[in-house]
Amino acid sequence: MATMASDDEAAPELLESEDEGESGAESFLTEDELAYDEELDPAEDYDDQQDGHTEPCTSGKEDANHSAYCEEDGSSLSVTRGQKRKRSPHPTATSWKTENDPDICPPPNRFIPARPPGHQLNSNNKHMPLDLFKLFLSNEAISTLCENTNKQAAKNIGKGKKYSWADLDVPEFLNYVGLTFFFSLVKLDNIRDYWKKNTIFSVPFPADVMSQDRYRVISWNIHMSDPEKDLENDRQKGTPQYDHLFRLNPLMETIKHACKTFYHPRQNLLIDERTIVRKNHAGMIQKGAAKPNKLGFKLFVLSDSSNGYILDFAVYTGKSRFESGTGLAYDSVMTLIKSAHLGSGYNLFLDSFYTSPKLFKDLLSLNVGACGTYRDNRRGCPTTHSNALTKKDPKGTLRWIREPPVVYVKWKDFCEVSICSTVHQAFSGHTMERRVKSEDGKSTVRSIPCPTPVMEYNKYMGGADMLEQLTQSYSVHHKTSRWYRVLFLHFLEVAATNSFLLHKELCREKHEEPMTHRAFLEELTAQLCGVTVAVPPTKGPSGHLPVPISNQPDASKRASYGRRTCVQCRLIKKEYQSTPWKCRECDVALCLIADRNCFEAWHD
């Protein structure tokens, strides 16, 4: 076998013409897509520079922790959007109202889920971590993946790749996945470090599962789709029949179906954007303005706000045309909200990229309420400056306008927060504590009014933080040469994360203490590799065991009958000590008492 480079120093023959002819490798640098790259939607956002308007902060910490509160340095959060689309006149309310003006709370939507919320498993059965994981990655799905991986390896070898290959089967694939999770739990800088030998930093376990070369050659050939059908799809590039996600679909659709099958969400949902980081550019890779140093794939994720469970997700393909003609933000939400599967009466929480009056009204027509931060330059939002917030207004000042069915609220925290909702009253008396400077310059803690949508938004958008924490704490991602393998690793994370959340749901139902996330992943890793987490004690040589010299049936005679002179005492100590014990393997008499263990000394 040829010597292999490390995974982050991938073999040259595997890097040459890496993405040539593959789905996802085309450029997406159109005007609209560059706007999405900056977290803008040209179908919804106006040009602020046309009227000299500077957009206030919609949410100072929104990208960091999905909170509608602002950073204290409000000046650093005001940004001016680039030229996109000129603001057109929009009929709007004549004046902003204050907290002293009464607002009517919309009637609550009747919550009618399609299934009982929670897990959809038989609680009477015992569900081990591997059992839960296989709900998302079944043996049938793994068999298909192994078959396509074997075809891809044969294809690469036919092209002259220099490595040996043995067909991958289900048990070995599970071992491979187990090692992948092991690497996420035991962090080393380089894949090859896990097989390092004869140093104090050696990790013995990976070599017991499979060789370093075998693990890496599997990584290089992992393939989710049929390579022969890949070629057929690639020939259709530039036509409507071309599928950007063809290489992902077999496994992605299996996992998405499982996500929806084995769990039904509670009433409050959220949609958030996730970026799967990758070093090399490909056609579906985005660089987010809020994440300026990260290149990766953009995913839109629907999850349950109560626990972060992933219900559905969509991969952004870099296309500049959308079915509805209303833009990426609108389409990504409407694609994920499927009333036929979910039911009705849900409340959806969104950040400012998605929020628009049209979206909120269309969601309400589906009996789905919505709440989210918004941008002043978003089409259809109020434009009046009458009685609007000013920079000089103190903390806690709020203004609102109701344009049925949406209420728009502006609130002065450390900076200006803009939020709207179809399910909440503008202000219902909530307060929160803030440190405020008095006229003499002293800082004191005071209770200030807080709009109801802000309170609810911060309460329920926390599910996005829970999900991010779960997936980032023990991420399985490592450098890989082909774009679709980045998403393959992400699919493993989705399966493991949802498996853990199902475990917690089952334990809560039985009033049992669930495992921690790490303990769950450790147990899953062990079961995938066919071992146990607890290492059994090392056994001594089975032949060298102390046994009685004479097998006396009479218990009173066992210590005195058949005694022989201890060999160790006679040869080493020049003493003659008799003993009823001997070594079964060596067949020599040896002392075995508390203050004279000749059995141990003889075998050292």
Foldseek 3Di string as FASTA:
>chain_A
DDDADFQVRGDPVCQVCPCPLFFFFDALPDPQLVQVLALAWLLWFAACVVVPDWWFAQAQCCVPQNARFHDLPRVVRIGGDHHRHHDDDDDDDAAWDFPVDFWDFDDAFDDDWPDPFWFPDDLVDDAALQNLLCLQVPQVQVQLQQVQLVQQLVVVVVVPDDDDDDRDHSLLVLLLLLVLLVCLLVPDDTLCQQCDDDDPSHNPPVVVQDDSVVSVSSLSRRWNARVVVSNVLSVQPPHPSRDSCRRPPSSQVSNLVSLLPGGAADQEKEKDKDFLFADDDTHQWHNYSVRNPGIGWIKIFIAHLVALQTNHMDTRSSDPDDDVRSTDLLVRVVVPDDCVSTPASHEYEYEASNDAPVSQVVNVVRRYKYKYRHIPRTPPDDDHPHHNDDPPDFFQIKIWDCDPQKIWMWGAHSIIHIMMINRGTQFDFDWDWDWDADPVGDTDIDIHGDTPSSVVSNSRVSSVVSNCCLCPSRPSDDHHNHRVSSVVSVSSSSSSSNSQVSQVSSCVVVVHDGDDSSVSSLQSSQVSSVHGSDDDDDDDDPQFDKDFQDDDPDPVCSFPPPWAFAPCCCPPVVDTDTGRIDTRNVRGDHDPDDVGGRSVVVVD
